[in-house]
All heavy atoms as atom14 arrays in JSON, in Angstrom:
{
  "sequence": "TQDDAGWLWAVREASQILRIDWRQGMRFDATIETVGGAHGLPSY",
  "atom14_mask": [
    [1, 1, 1, 1, 1, 1, 1, 0, 0, 0, 0, 0, 0, 0],
    [1, 1, 1, 1, 1, 1, 1, 1, 1, 0, 0, 0, 0, 0],
    [1, 1, 1, 1, 1, 1, 1, 1, 0, 0, 0, 0, 0, 0],
    [1, 1, 1, 1, 1, 1, 1, 1, 0, 0, 0, 0, 0, 0],
    [1, 1, 1, 1, 1, 0, 0, 0, 0, 0, 0, 0, 0, 0],
    [1, 1, 1, 1, 0, 0, 0, 0, 0, 0, 0, 0, 0, 0],
    [1, 1, 1, 1, 1, 1, 1, 1, 1, 1, 1, 1, 1, 1],
    [1, 1, 1, 1, 1, 1, 1, 1, 0, 0, 0, 0, 0, 0],
    [1, 1, 1, 1, 1, 1, 1, 1, 1, 1, 1, 1, 1, 1],
    [1, 1, 1, 1, 1, 0, 0, 0, 0, 0, 0, 0, 0, 0],
    [1, 1, 1, 1, 1, 1, 1, 0, 0, 0, 0, 0, 0, 0],
    [1, 1, 1, 1, 1, 1, 1, 1, 1, 1, 1, 0, 0, 0],
    [1, 1, 1, 1, 1, 1, 1, 1, 1, 0, 0, 0, 0, 0],
    [1, 1, 1, 1, 1, 0, 0, 0, 0, 0, 0, 0, 0, 0],
    [1, 1, 1, 1, 1, 1, 0, 0, 0, 0, 0, 0, 0, 0],
    [1, 1, 1, 1, 1, 1, 1, 1, 1, 0, 0, 0, 0, 0],
    [1, 1, 1, 1, 1, 1, 1, 1, 0, 0, 0, 0, 0, 0],
    [1, 1, 1, 1, 1, 1, 1, 1, 0, 0, 0, 0, 0, 0],
    [1, 1, 1, 1, 1, 1, 1, 1, 1, 1, 1, 0, 0, 0],
    [1, 1, 1, 1, 1, 1, 1, 1, 0, 0, 0, 0, 0, 0],
    [1, 1, 1, 1, 1, 1, 1, 1, 0, 0, 0, 0, 0, 0],
    [1, 1, 1, 1, 1, 1, 1, 1, 1, 1, 1, 1, 1, 1],
    [1, 1, 1, 1, 1, 1, 1, 1, 1, 1, 1, 0, 0, 0],
    [1, 1, 1, 1, 1, 1, 1, 1, 1, 0, 0, 0, 0, 0],
    [1, 1, 1, 1, 0, 0, 0, 0, 0, 0, 0, 0, 0, 0],
    [1, 1, 1, 1, 1, 1, 1, 1, 0, 0, 0, 0, 0, 0],
    [1, 1, 1, 1, 1, 1, 1, 1, 1, 1, 1, 0, 0, 0],
    [1, 1, 1, 1, 1, 1, 1, 1, 1, 1, 1, 0, 0, 0],
    [1, 1, 1, 1, 1, 1, 1, 1, 0, 0, 0, 0, 0, 0],
    [1, 1, 1, 1, 1, 0, 0, 0, 0, 0, 0, 0, 0, 0],
    [1, 1, 1, 1, 1, 1, 1, 0, 0, 0, 0, 0, 0, 0],
    [1, 1, 1, 1, 1, 1, 1, 1, 0, 0, 0, 0, 0, 0],
    [1, 1, 1, 1, 1, 1, 1, 1, 1, 0, 0, 0, 0, 0],
    [1, 1, 1, 1, 1, 1, 1, 0, 0, 0, 0, 0, 0, 0],
    [1, 1, 1, 1, 1, 1, 1, 0, 0, 0, 0, 0, 0, 0],
    [1, 1, 1, 1, 0, 0, 0, 0, 0, 0, 0, 0, 0, 0],
    [1, 1, 1, 1, 0, 0, 0, 0, 0, 0, 0, 0, 0, 0],
    [1, 1, 1, 1, 1, 0, 0, 0, 0, 0, 0, 0, 0, 0],
    [1, 1, 1, 1, 1, 1, 1, 1, 1, 1, 0, 0, 0, 0],
    [1, 1, 1, 1, 0, 0, 0, 0, 0, 0, 0, 0, 0, 0],
    [1, 1, 1, 1, 1, 1, 1, 1, 0, 0, 0, 0, 0, 0],
    [1, 1, 1, 1, 1, 1, 1, 0, 0, 0, 0, 0, 0, 0],
    [1, 1, 1, 1, 1, 1, 0, 0, 0, 0, 0, 0, 0, 0],
    [1, 1, 1, 1, 1, 1, 1, 1, 1, 1, 1, 1, 0, 0]
  ],
  "atom14_positions": [
    [[0.84, -1.2, 0.0], [0.0, 0.0, 0.0], [0.87, 1.24, 0.0], [2.07, 1.17, 0.31], [-0.97, 0.0, 1.21], [-1.97, 1.0, 1.0], [-0.23, 0.29, 2.5], [0.0, 0.0, 0.0], [0.0, 0.0, 0.0], [0.0, 0.0, 0.0], [0.0, 0.0, 0.0], [0.0, 0.0, 0.0], [0.0, 0.0, 0.0], [0.0, 0.0, 0.0]],
    [[0.28, 2.38, -0.36], [1.01, 3.64, -0.48], [0.29, 4.71, 0.32], [-0.94, 4.81, 0.26], [1.06, 4.08, -1.95], [1.59, 3.01, -2.89], [1.16, 3.26, -4.33], [1.6, 4.23, -4.95], [0.31, 2.41, -4.86], [0.0, 0.0, 0.0], [0.0, 0.0, 0.0], [0.0, 0.0, 0.0], [0.0, 0.0, 0.0], [0.0, 0.0, 0.0]],
    [[1.05, 5.52, 1.08], [0.43, 6.61, 1.81], [0.65, 7.93, 1.06], [1.34, 7.98, 0.04], [0.95, 6.69, 3.26], [2.43, 7.02, 3.35], [3.01, 7.51, 2.36], [3.02, 6.8, 4.42], [0.0, 0.0, 0.0], [0.0, 0.0, 0.0], [0.0, 0.0, 0.0], [0.0, 0.0, 0.0], [0.0, 0.0, 0.0], [0.0, 0.0, 0.0]],
    [[0.04, 8.99, 1.56], [0.11, 10.27, 0.87], [1.5, 10.89, 0.91], [1.83, 11.73, 0.06], [-0.9, 11.25, 1.49], [-2.33, 10.98, 1.03], [-2.53, 10.0, 0.29], [-3.23, 11.73, 1.44], [0.0, 0.0, 0.0], [0.0, 0.0, 0.0], [0.0, 0.0, 0.0], [0.0, 0.0, 0.0], [0.0, 0.0, 0.0], [0.0, 0.0, 0.0]],
    [[2.3, 10.51, 1.89], [3.64, 11.09, 2.0], [4.6, 10.54, 0.95], [5.66, 11.13, 0.71], [4.2, 10.84, 3.4], [0.0, 0.0, 0.0], [0.0, 0.0, 0.0], [0.0, 0.0, 0.0], [0.0, 0.0, 0.0], [0.0, 0.0, 0.0], [0.0, 0.0, 0.0], [0.0, 0.0, 0.0], [0.0, 0.0, 0.0], [0.0, 0.0, 0.0]],
    [[4.25, 9.4, 0.33], [5.12, 8.82, -0.68], [5.86, 7.57, -0.24], [6.7, 7.06, -0.98], [0.0, 0.0, 0.0], [0.0, 0.0, 0.0], [0.0, 0.0, 0.0], [0.0, 0.0, 0.0], [0.0, 0.0, 0.0], [0.0, 0.0, 0.0], [0.0, 0.0, 0.0], [0.0, 0.0, 0.0], [0.0, 0.0, 0.0], [0.0, 0.0, 0.0]],
    [[5.54, 7.07, 0.95], [6.12, 5.8, 1.39], [5.34, 4.64, 0.78], [4.11, 4.66, 0.72], [6.07, 5.67, 2.91], [6.96, 6.61, 3.67], [6.6, 7.78, 4.28], [8.36, 6.45, 3.9], [7.68, 8.35, 4.87], [8.77, 7.56, 4.66], [9.3, 5.48, 3.55], [10.09, 7.73, 5.07], [10.6, 5.64, 3.97], [11.01, 6.75, 4.72]],
    [[6.06, 3.62, 0.35], [5.45, 2.36, -0.1], [5.65, 1.34, 1.01], [6.78, 1.04, 1.38], [6.12, 1.87, -1.39], [5.6, 0.55, -1.96], [4.19, 0.73, -2.49], [6.51, 0.03, -3.05], [0.0, 0.0, 0.0], [0.0, 0.0, 0.0], [0.0, 0.0, 0.0], [0.0, 0.0, 0.0], [0.0, 0.0, 0.0], [0.0, 0.0, 0.0]],
    [[4.55, 0.83, 1.56], [4.58, -0.1, 2.69], [4.25, -1.5, 2.2], [3.44, -1.69, 1.3], [3.57, 0.32, 3.75], [3.81, 1.68, 4.32], [3.38, 2.87, 3.8], [4.51, 2.01, 5.52], [3.78, 3.91, 4.59], [4.48, 3.42, 5.66], [5.17, 1.25, 6.49], [5.07, 4.08, 6.74], [5.76, 1.91, 7.56], [5.71, 3.3, 7.68]],
    [[4.86, -2.49, 2.83], [4.63, -3.88, 2.45], [4.7, -4.77, 3.68], [5.27, -4.39, 4.71], [5.65, -4.34, 1.41], [0.0, 0.0, 0.0], [0.0, 0.0, 0.0], [0.0, 0.0, 0.0], [0.0, 0.0, 0.0], [0.0, 0.0, 0.0], [0.0, 0.0, 0.0], [0.0, 0.0, 0.0], [0.0, 0.0, 0.0], [0.0, 0.0, 0.0]],
    [[4.11, -5.95, 3.55], [4.21, -6.97, 4.59], [4.87, -8.2, 3.99], [4.42, -8.72, 2.96], [2.82, -7.35, 5.15], [2.95, -8.45, 6.2], [2.14, -6.12, 5.75], [0.0, 0.0, 0.0], [0.0, 0.0, 0.0], [0.0, 0.0, 0.0], [0.0, 0.0, 0.0], [0.0, 0.0, 0.0], [0.0, 0.0, 0.0], [0.0, 0.0, 0.0]],
    [[5.94, -8.63, 4.61], [6.61, -9.86, 4.22], [6.12, -10.96, 5.16], [5.62, -10.69, 6.24], [8.13, -9.69, 4.31], [8.94, -10.87, 3.76], [10.43, -10.57, 3.87], [10.88, -9.69, 2.79], [12.03, -9.02, 2.83], [12.81, -9.1, 3.88], [12.39, -8.27, 1.81], [0.0, 0.0, 0.0], [0.0, 0.0, 0.0], [0.0, 0.0, 0.0]],
    [[6.23, -12.19, 4.74], [5.8, -13.31, 5.58], [6.41, -13.21, 6.97], [7.47, -12.65, 7.15], [6.18, -14.64, 4.92], [5.26, -15.0, 3.78], [5.51, -16.41, 3.28], [6.65, -16.72, 2.93], [4.54, -17.18, 3.21], [0.0, 0.0, 0.0], [0.0, 0.0, 0.0], [0.0, 0.0, 0.0], [0.0, 0.0, 0.0], [0.0, 0.0, 0.0]],
    [[5.71, -13.75, 7.95], [6.03, -13.62, 9.37], [5.68, -12.23, 9.88], [6.18, -11.77, 10.9], [7.51, -13.94, 9.67], [0.0, 0.0, 0.0], [0.0, 0.0, 0.0], [0.0, 0.0, 0.0], [0.0, 0.0, 0.0], [0.0, 0.0, 0.0], [0.0, 0.0, 0.0], [0.0, 0.0, 0.0], [0.0, 0.0, 0.0], [0.0, 0.0, 0.0]],
    [[4.79, -11.53, 9.14], [4.26, -10.23, 9.56], [5.37, -9.2, 9.78], [5.31, -8.39, 10.69], [3.43, -10.38, 10.84], [2.34, -11.25, 10.63], [0.0, 0.0, 0.0], [0.0, 0.0, 0.0], [0.0, 0.0, 0.0], [0.0, 0.0, 0.0], [0.0, 0.0, 0.0], [0.0, 0.0, 0.0], [0.0, 0.0, 0.0], [0.0, 0.0, 0.0]],
    [[6.35, -9.21, 8.9], [7.42, -8.22, 8.95], [7.01, -7.0, 8.14], [6.64, -7.1, 6.97], [8.72, -8.82, 8.39], [9.93, -7.93, 8.52], [11.16, -8.59, 7.93], [11.1, -9.2, 6.87], [12.28, -8.48, 8.63], [0.0, 0.0, 0.0], [0.0, 0.0, 0.0], [0.0, 0.0, 0.0], [0.0, 0.0, 0.0], [0.0, 0.0, 0.0]],
    [[7.04, -5.81, 8.75], [6.62, -4.57, 8.1], [7.83, -3.94, 7.41], [8.87, -3.71, 8.04], [6.02, -3.58, 9.11], [4.94, -4.26, 9.96], [5.46, -2.37, 8.39], [3.77, -4.77, 9.17], [0.0, 0.0, 0.0], [0.0, 0.0, 0.0], [0.0, 0.0, 0.0], [0.0, 0.0, 0.0], [0.0, 0.0, 0.0], [0.0, 0.0, 0.0]],
    [[7.68, -3.66, 6.11], [8.75, -3.07, 5.31], [8.25, -1.79, 4.67], [7.06, -1.59, 4.49], [9.21, -4.04, 4.22], [9.53, -5.48, 4.62], [9.78, -6.32, 3.38], [10.73, -5.51, 5.55], [0.0, 0.0, 0.0], [0.0, 0.0, 0.0], [0.0, 0.0, 0.0], [0.0, 0.0, 0.0], [0.0, 0.0, 0.0], [0.0, 0.0, 0.0]],
    [[9.2, -0.92, 4.29], [8.81, 0.25, 3.52], [9.95, 0.7, 2.61], [11.12, 0.45, 2.87], [8.38, 1.4, 4.43], [9.51, 2.06, 5.21], [8.97, 3.21, 6.04], [10.03, 3.83, 6.82], [9.84, 4.82, 7.68], [8.61, 5.28, 7.9], [10.85, 5.35, 8.35], [0.0, 0.0, 0.0], [0.0, 0.0, 0.0], [0.0, 0.0, 0.0]],
    [[9.54, 1.36, 1.53], [10.47, 1.93, 0.56], [10.2, 3.43, 0.47], [9.04, 3.85, 0.4], [10.3, 1.28, -0.83], [10.62, -0.22, -0.75], [11.19, 1.94, -1.87], [10.37, -0.96, -2.05], [0.0, 0.0, 0.0], [0.0, 0.0, 0.0], [0.0, 0.0, 0.0], [0.0, 0.0, 0.0], [0.0, 0.0, 0.0], [0.0, 0.0, 0.0]],
    [[11.26, 4.22, 0.47], [11.13, 5.68, 0.42], [11.05, 6.13, -1.03], [12.06, 6.26, -1.72], [12.32, 6.34, 1.12], [12.14, 7.85, 1.24], [11.14, 8.36, 0.71], [13.01, 8.49, 1.85], [0.0, 0.0, 0.0], [0.0, 0.0, 0.0], [0.0, 0.0, 0.0], [0.0, 0.0, 0.0], [0.0, 0.0, 0.0], [0.0, 0.0, 0.0]],
    [[9.8, 6.37, -1.49], [9.58, 6.9, -2.83], [8.97, 8.3, -2.75], [8.21, 8.71, -3.63], [8.66, 5.96, -3.63], [9.42, 4.8, -4.21], [10.76, 4.6, -4.22], [8.85, 3.66, -4.89], [11.08, 3.42, -4.84], [9.93, 2.82, -5.27], [7.57, 3.28, -5.21], [9.74, 1.63, -5.95], [7.38, 2.09, -5.89], [8.45, 1.27, -6.25]],
    [[9.32, 9.03, -1.69], [8.76, 10.38, -1.53], [9.23, 11.33, -2.63], [8.56, 12.3, -2.94], [9.14, 10.93, -0.15], [8.4, 10.24, 1.0], [8.88, 10.71, 2.34], [10.26, 10.29, 2.6], [10.94, 10.6, 3.69], [10.36, 11.35, 4.64], [12.17, 10.18, 3.86], [0.0, 0.0, 0.0], [0.0, 0.0, 0.0], [0.0, 0.0, 0.0]],
    [[10.38, 11.05, -3.21], [10.9, 11.88, -4.3], [10.67, 11.22, -5.66], [11.25, 11.66, -6.66], [12.41, 12.14, -4.09], [12.76, 12.75, -2.75], [12.02, 14.05, -2.49], [11.89, 14.89, -3.38], [11.53, 14.23, -1.27], [0.0, 0.0, 0.0], [0.0, 0.0, 0.0], [0.0, 0.0, 0.0], [0.0, 0.0, 0.0], [0.0, 0.0, 0.0]],
    [[9.84, 10.19, -5.7], [9.57, 9.49, -6.94], [10.05, 8.05, -6.9], [10.84, 7.67, -6.02], [0.0, 0.0, 0.0], [0.0, 0.0, 0.0], [0.0, 0.0, 0.0], [0.0, 0.0, 0.0], [0.0, 0.0, 0.0], [0.0, 0.0, 0.0], [0.0, 0.0, 0.0], [0.0, 0.0, 0.0], [0.0, 0.0, 0.0], [0.0, 0.0, 0.0]],
    [[9.61, 7.25, -7.86], [9.97, 5.84, -7.89], [11.41, 5.63, -8.31], [11.88, 6.26, -9.26], [9.05, 5.09, -8.85], [9.07, 3.58, -8.66], [8.46, 2.73, -10.12], [9.83, 3.0, -11.23], [0.0, 0.0, 0.0], [0.0, 0.0, 0.0], [0.0, 0.0, 0.0], [0.0, 0.0, 0.0], [0.0, 0.0, 0.0], [0.0, 0.0, 0.0]],
    [[12.12, 4.77, -7.58], [13.5, 4.43, -7.9], [13.68, 2.92, -7.77], [13.34, 2.34, -6.74], [14.47, 5.13, -6.96], [14.53, 6.64, -7.11], [15.43, 7.24, -6.04], [16.67, 6.49, -5.91], [17.47, 6.58, -4.82], [17.12, 7.32, -3.8], [18.6, 5.88, -4.79], [0.0, 0.0, 0.0], [0.0, 0.0, 0.0], [0.0, 0.0, 0.0]],
    [[14.23, 2.31, -8.81], [14.47, 0.87, -8.76], [15.6, 0.51, -7.8], [15.65, -0.61, -7.3], [14.79, 0.33, -10.16], [13.61, 0.3, -11.08], [13.47, 1.25, -12.07], [12.62, -0.66, -10.93], [12.37, 1.23, -12.91], [11.52, -0.7, -11.77], [11.39, 0.26, -12.76], [0.0, 0.0, 0.0], [0.0, 0.0, 0.0], [0.0, 0.0, 0.0]],
    [[16.5, 1.46, -7.52], [17.62, 1.18, -6.63], [17.34, 1.62, -5.19], [18.24, 1.7, -4.37], [18.89, 1.87, -7.12], [18.75, 3.39, -7.17], [17.62, 3.89, -7.03], [19.77, 4.07, -7.36], [0.0, 0.0, 0.0], [0.0, 0.0, 0.0], [0.0, 0.0, 0.0], [0.0, 0.0, 0.0], [0.0, 0.0, 0.0], [0.0, 0.0, 0.0]],
    [[16.08, 1.91, -4.89], [15.73, 2.34, -3.53], [16.0, 1.22, -2.54], [15.82, 0.03, -2.84], [14.27, 2.77, -3.48], [0.0, 0.0, 0.0], [0.0, 0.0, 0.0], [0.0, 0.0, 0.0], [0.0, 0.0, 0.0], [0.0, 0.0, 0.0], [0.0, 0.0, 0.0], [0.0, 0.0, 0.0], [0.0, 0.0, 0.0], [0.0, 0.0, 0.0]],
    [[16.42, 1.6, -1.35], [16.63, 0.62, -0.29], [15.32, 0.34, 0.42], [14.41, 1.17, 0.46], [17.66, 1.13, 0.73], [17.18, 2.36, 1.29], [19.0, 1.36, 0.06], [0.0, 0.0, 0.0], [0.0, 0.0, 0.0], [0.0, 0.0, 0.0], [0.0, 0.0, 0.0], [0.0, 0.0, 0.0], [0.0, 0.0, 0.0], [0.0, 0.0, 0.0]],
    [[15.2, -0.86, 0.97], [14.01, -1.25, 1.71], [14.36, -1.29, 3.19], [15.45, -1.74, 3.56], [13.47, -2.6, 1.2], [12.07, -2.85, 1.75], [14.4, -3.75, 1.54], [11.32, -3.95, 1.03], [0.0, 0.0, 0.0], [0.0, 0.0, 0.0], [0.0, 0.0, 0.0], [0.0, 0.0, 0.0], [0.0, 0.0, 0.0], [0.0, 0.0, 0.0]],
    [[13.48, -0.79, 4.01], [13.73, -0.65, 5.44], [12.73, -1.49, 6.23], [11.54, -1.53, 5.92], [13.57, 0.83, 5.83], [13.68, 1.12, 7.3], [13.38, 2.59, 7.62], [12.92, 3.31, 6.72], [13.57, 2.97, 8.79], [0.0, 0.0, 0.0], [0.0, 0.0, 0.0], [0.0, 0.0, 0.0], [0.0, 0.0, 0.0], [0.0, 0.0, 0.0]],
    [[13.24, -2.18, 7.24], [12.37, -2.91, 8.16], [11.91, -1.97, 9.26], [12.73, -1.3, 9.89], [13.11, -4.11, 8.77], [13.52, -4.99, 7.73], [12.2, -4.87, 9.72], [0.0, 0.0, 0.0], [0.0, 0.0, 0.0], [0.0, 0.0, 0.0], [0.0, 0.0, 0.0], [0.0, 0.0, 0.0], [0.0, 0.0, 0.0], [0.0, 0.0, 0.0]],
    [[10.61, -1.9, 9.48], [10.04, -1.0, 10.48], [9.57, -1.84, 11.66], [8.81, -2.8, 11.48], [8.86, -0.2, 9.88], [8.28, 0.75, 10.91], [9.33, 0.57, 8.65], [0.0, 0.0, 0.0], [0.0, 0.0, 0.0], [0.0, 0.0, 0.0], [0.0, 0.0, 0.0], [0.0, 0.0, 0.0], [0.0, 0.0, 0.0], [0.0, 0.0, 0.0]],
    [[10.03, -1.47, 12.86], [9.7, -2.28, 14.03], [9.69, -1.49, 15.32], [9.12, -0.4, 15.4], [0.0, 0.0, 0.0], [0.0, 0.0, 0.0], [0.0, 0.0, 0.0], [0.0, 0.0, 0.0], [0.0, 0.0, 0.0], [0.0, 0.0, 0.0], [0.0, 0.0, 0.0], [0.0, 0.0, 0.0], [0.0, 0.0, 0.0], [0.0, 0.0, 0.0]],
    [[10.37, -2.02, 16.32], [10.35, -1.44, 17.66], [10.83, -0.01, 17.73], [10.3, 0.79, 18.52], [0.0, 0.0, 0.0], [0.0, 0.0, 0.0], [0.0, 0.0, 0.0], [0.0, 0.0, 0.0], [0.0, 0.0, 0.0], [0.0, 0.0, 0.0], [0.0, 0.0, 0.0], [0.0, 0.0, 0.0], [0.0, 0.0, 0.0], [0.0, 0.0, 0.0]],
    [[11.83, 0.36, 16.92], [12.33, 1.72, 16.95], [11.29, 2.73, 16.49], [11.43, 3.94, 16.74], [13.58, 1.83, 16.08], [0.0, 0.0, 0.0], [0.0, 0.0, 0.0], [0.0, 0.0, 0.0], [0.0, 0.0, 0.0], [0.0, 0.0, 0.0], [0.0, 0.0, 0.0], [0.0, 0.0, 0.0], [0.0, 0.0, 0.0], [0.0, 0.0, 0.0]],
    [[10.25, 2.24, 15.8], [9.18, 3.11, 15.32], [7.89, 2.92, 16.11], [6.83, 3.39, 15.68], [8.92, 2.85, 13.83], [10.09, 3.12, 12.96], [11.08, 2.18, 12.74], [10.46, 4.23, 12.26], [12.0, 2.7, 11.93], [11.65, 3.93, 11.62], [0.0, 0.0, 0.0], [0.0, 0.0, 0.0], [0.0, 0.0, 0.0], [0.0, 0.0, 0.0]],
    [[7.98, 2.22, 17.25], [6.81, 2.06, 18.11], [5.94, 0.88, 17.81], [4.81, 0.8, 18.32], [0.0, 0.0, 0.0], [0.0, 0.0, 0.0], [0.0, 0.0, 0.0], [0.0, 0.0, 0.0], [0.0, 0.0, 0.0], [0.0, 0.0, 0.0], [0.0, 0.0, 0.0], [0.0, 0.0, 0.0], [0.0, 0.0, 0.0], [0.0, 0.0, 0.0]],
    [[6.41, -0.06, 16.99], [5.61, -1.23, 16.64], [5.99, -2.43, 17.51], [7.17, -2.6, 17.85], [5.82, -1.61, 15.17], [5.2, -0.69, 14.12], [5.5, -1.23, 12.73], [3.7, -0.56, 14.31], [0.0, 0.0, 0.0], [0.0, 0.0, 0.0], [0.0, 0.0, 0.0], [0.0, 0.0, 0.0], [0.0, 0.0, 0.0], [0.0, 0.0, 0.0]],
    [[5.03, -3.27, 17.84], [5.36, -4.52, 18.53], [5.97, -5.52, 17.56], [5.96, -5.29, 16.34], [4.0, -5.0, 19.04], [3.04, -4.48, 18.02], [3.59, -3.14, 17.6], [0.0, 0.0, 0.0], [0.0, 0.0, 0.0], [0.0, 0.0, 0.0], [0.0, 0.0, 0.0], [0.0, 0.0, 0.0], [0.0, 0.0, 0.0], [0.0, 0.0, 0.0]],
    [[6.48, -6.62, 18.08], [6.98, -7.68, 17.22], [5.81, -8.58, 16.83], [5.4, -9.45, 17.59], [8.06, -8.5, 17.94], [8.44, -9.61, 17.15], [0.0, 0.0, 0.0], [0.0, 0.0, 0.0], [0.0, 0.0, 0.0], [0.0, 0.0, 0.0], [0.0, 0.0, 0.0], [0.0, 0.0, 0.0], [0.0, 0.0, 0.0], [0.0, 0.0, 0.0]],
    [[5.27, -8.33, 15.64], [4.12, -9.12, 15.2], [4.49, -10.58, 14.99], [3.68, -11.48, 15.2], [3.55, -8.53, 13.91], [2.94, -7.16, 14.09], [3.49, -6.04, 13.48], [1.81, -6.98, 14.89], [2.93, -4.78, 13.64], [1.24, -5.73, 15.06], [1.81, -4.63, 14.43], [1.26, -3.39, 14.6], [0.0, 0.0, 0.0], [0.0, 0.0, 0.0]]
  ]
}
């Protein structure tokens, strides 16, 4: 899914939350980030 700020969010198996920073537009070489405890999320 995509939010208005330009982040692309995804769920990988085992309920791992991921996101890609496309706030400046789509990039094939964008890095993917795991979002978890440092962002206030529990370990799903």
